[in-house]
Amino acid sequence: MMRLPLRPPFASAVLVLLLASAIPALAEEAPGPAPSPAPSSIPSAPPSLGADTLKPGKPAVKPYLADAALPDAVQILPPPPAHDAPLDKADRAAFANTRALKGSPRWEIAANDVAEGAAAVLENFACVLGTRIDQARVPAVINLLERARLDLAHATRGPKVHYRRLRPFVGNEAPICVQRTQKLADSFSYPSGHATQGWAYALILAALVPEKATAILVRGRAYGESRVVCGVHWLSDVVAGRLTGTSVFAALMGDPTFRADLEKARTELRAAMADAGTPPDQAVCTRENEALREPPLEF
C-alpha cells in the first residue's frame, strides 16, 4: 500500500451540528460485482427512504433524526479538491497506483466490502468481533444499524448533488472491482456513502464493544479505503465520508431513542458474542490481518 506525500487540510475538522432541511438527491449506487476471486462479493443498493431493507414491500422504518437535527454536510465538509490542486493530484495518484492491486488479497477485500447494510457489515467485521453474528439472533442490532443507515444516506445526499463530483473511473478504462454501469457512472462521488456508513457503523460497534474499539475502527477505516482500491471513489471522497459519518454519529448520540436502542443492542450483541457461535473463516481473517497491517492510504 502506498503513501502519498500530502496531508489532508481538513483531517482535523471540528464537527459543528447545524440545522438542515431534507435535500432530495441521487443516492450512491452499488451495482452487482464484476467477476472476482471473492465469492462472497454480493453488494446491495443503498437504502431508499421509502423502502424497508429488512422487510421489502413494507413501509420503511423511520430514521432517528428529524430534518432539523440532521447535520448539514454541505456546510460541514470542505468542497472537493479543485482541478489540478495538490489534493486533486494526490487523488489521481492514489487511483492510478491502486489499479496495480487488481487480483491481490487487498482487491478481494475491497470486492467483499462492496456489500453494505447491517448484515453485510456484521459479516465483514466478523474477524475483529471474533465470531460470525447470526442476524436472526440480534434483531435489536440490525434495527439500530438499519435505522441509522437511513440517517446516513440522507446526510450524504446534499453534498452529492451539490458538488456533482464524477467518479474516478469515468472517462477511462482502468479496472474497477464492480461492473461498470451507466447508473454508477451517473451517480455522484463526494462524499462516499460507503465510507460514511462504514465509519459510522464502526463507531457504533466500538460503542457496543469498547474493548475491541481499536480493531473495529481499523476495520472501519479499511472499509472506506476499499472504495479507493475498488476504483469507484477518490481518496478525498472517503475522508469526507468519515467526517460525515462522525457528524451523524454525534447527532445520533444526542437522540434519546437512538441511545435507548444502543443499550438494547449492546446487551444483545454481547450475549451473541458470548455464545460459541460460528467462527469466522480463518483464511479470510489471515488475509484481512495481513492487509490491515499495511499503512493506511493517505495524502
Foldseek 3Di string as FASTA:
>chain_A
DDEDDDFDPCLPADFDAFFAAFDDFDFAAQDAWDDDPQPQLGADGQDDQQADPVDGPDGHDAAQDDRRLQGQLVVRDDAPDDPPDPLNVLLLVLLVVLLVCVPPLLLSLLSLLNHDAQQSLLLNCQLLLQFRFDCVQQVLSRCLLSSNSVSLRRNQRVSQVVNVAFFQCPPHDRAAGGDDDVSNRNGGAAADSSLLSLQLVLVLVCVLVVVSSVVSNLSSLSSLCSCSSRRGYGPVNNSSSNVSNVNSSVSLVVRPVSVVSSVSSSVSVVVRSVDPHHGRDVVSSVSVVVVSVDDHYGD
